[in-house]
Amino acid sequence: MKQQEISTLSTDDLKSQMESLSEKLMKMKLAHSVTPMENPLQIRHARRTVARMKTELTKREAQA
């Protein structure tokens, strides 16, 4: 998910998306530790997307 897409989401949607993606990231990490994934770059992409979402939430809280 790109930054422009993240910035258009409402705060509630952003929080729910972040929670679901964080859960998915944890499952991917666990699965990768047991058996190596075919494309481990998915983990990096998910981690960076969660970071973008957290940054957007922090930015919105600072503005409020």
Protein backbone atom coordinates (compact mmCIF):
# COMPACT_ATOMS: atom_id res chain seq x y z
CA MET A 1 0.00 0.00 0.00
CA LYS A 2 1.41 3.36 -0.99
CA GLN A 3 1.52 6.49 1.15
CA GLN A 4 -1.18 8.21 -0.90
CA GLU A 5 -3.55 5.30 -0.33
CA ILE A 6 -2.82 5.33 3.39
CA SER A 7 -3.43 9.06 3.71
CA THR A 8 -6.89 8.76 2.12
CA LEU A 9 -8.09 6.19 4.68
CA SER A 10 -10.08 7.30 7.70
CA THR A 11 -8.48 6.90 11.12
CA ASP A 12 -10.68 3.94 12.07
CA ASP A 13 -10.00 2.19 8.77
CA LEU A 14 -6.30 2.86 9.18
CA LYS A 15 -6.24 1.32 12.65
CA SER A 16 -8.15 -1.78 11.55
CA GLN A 17 -5.95 -2.25 8.46
CA MET A 18 -2.83 -1.84 10.59
CA GLU A 19 -4.01 -4.45 13.11
CA SER A 20 -4.84 -6.99 10.42
CA LEU A 21 -1.57 -6.41 8.59
CA SER A 22 0.42 -6.66 11.84
CA GLU A 23 -1.23 -9.99 12.57
CA LYS A 24 -0.50 -11.18 9.04
CA LEU A 25 3.13 -10.08 9.43
CA MET A 26 3.53 -12.09 12.64
CA LYS A 27 2.09 -15.18 10.93
CA MET A 28 4.44 -14.72 7.96
CA LYS A 29 7.45 -14.44 10.28
CA LEU A 30 6.47 -17.60 12.11
CA ALA A 31 5.85 -19.51 8.88
CA HIS A 32 9.18 -18.32 7.51
CA SER A 33 11.06 -19.49 10.59
CA VAL A 34 9.58 -22.98 10.25
CA THR A 35 9.92 -23.37 6.49
CA PRO A 36 11.56 -20.72 4.31
CA MET A 37 9.13 -18.73 2.22
CA GLU A 38 9.40 -18.68 -1.54
CA ASN A 39 9.45 -14.87 -1.53
CA PRO A 40 10.75 -13.50 1.80
CA LEU A 41 10.53 -9.94 0.48
CA GLN A 42 6.83 -10.08 1.37
CA ILE A 43 7.88 -9.78 5.02
CA ARG A 44 9.84 -6.61 4.29
CA HIS A 45 6.97 -5.11 2.32
CA ALA A 46 4.46 -5.84 5.10
CA ARG A 47 6.78 -4.47 7.79
CA ARG A 48 7.31 -1.23 5.89
CA THR A 49 3.59 -0.83 5.22
CA VAL A 50 2.86 -1.19 8.95
CA ALA A 51 5.51 1.44 9.64
CA ARG A 52 3.89 3.81 7.12
CA MET A 53 0.54 3.32 8.80
CA LYS A 54 1.98 4.00 12.26
CA THR A 55 3.66 7.14 10.94
CA GLU A 56 0.37 8.38 9.48
CA LEU A 57 -1.44 7.73 12.78
CA THR A 58 1.24 9.61 14.72
CA LYS A 59 1.02 12.50 12.25
CA ARG A 60 -2.75 12.68 12.66
CA GLU A 61 -2.51 12.61 16.47
CA ALA A 62 0.02 15.46 16.40
CA GLN A 63 -2.32 17.57 14.28
CA ALA A 64 -5.31 16.98 16.58
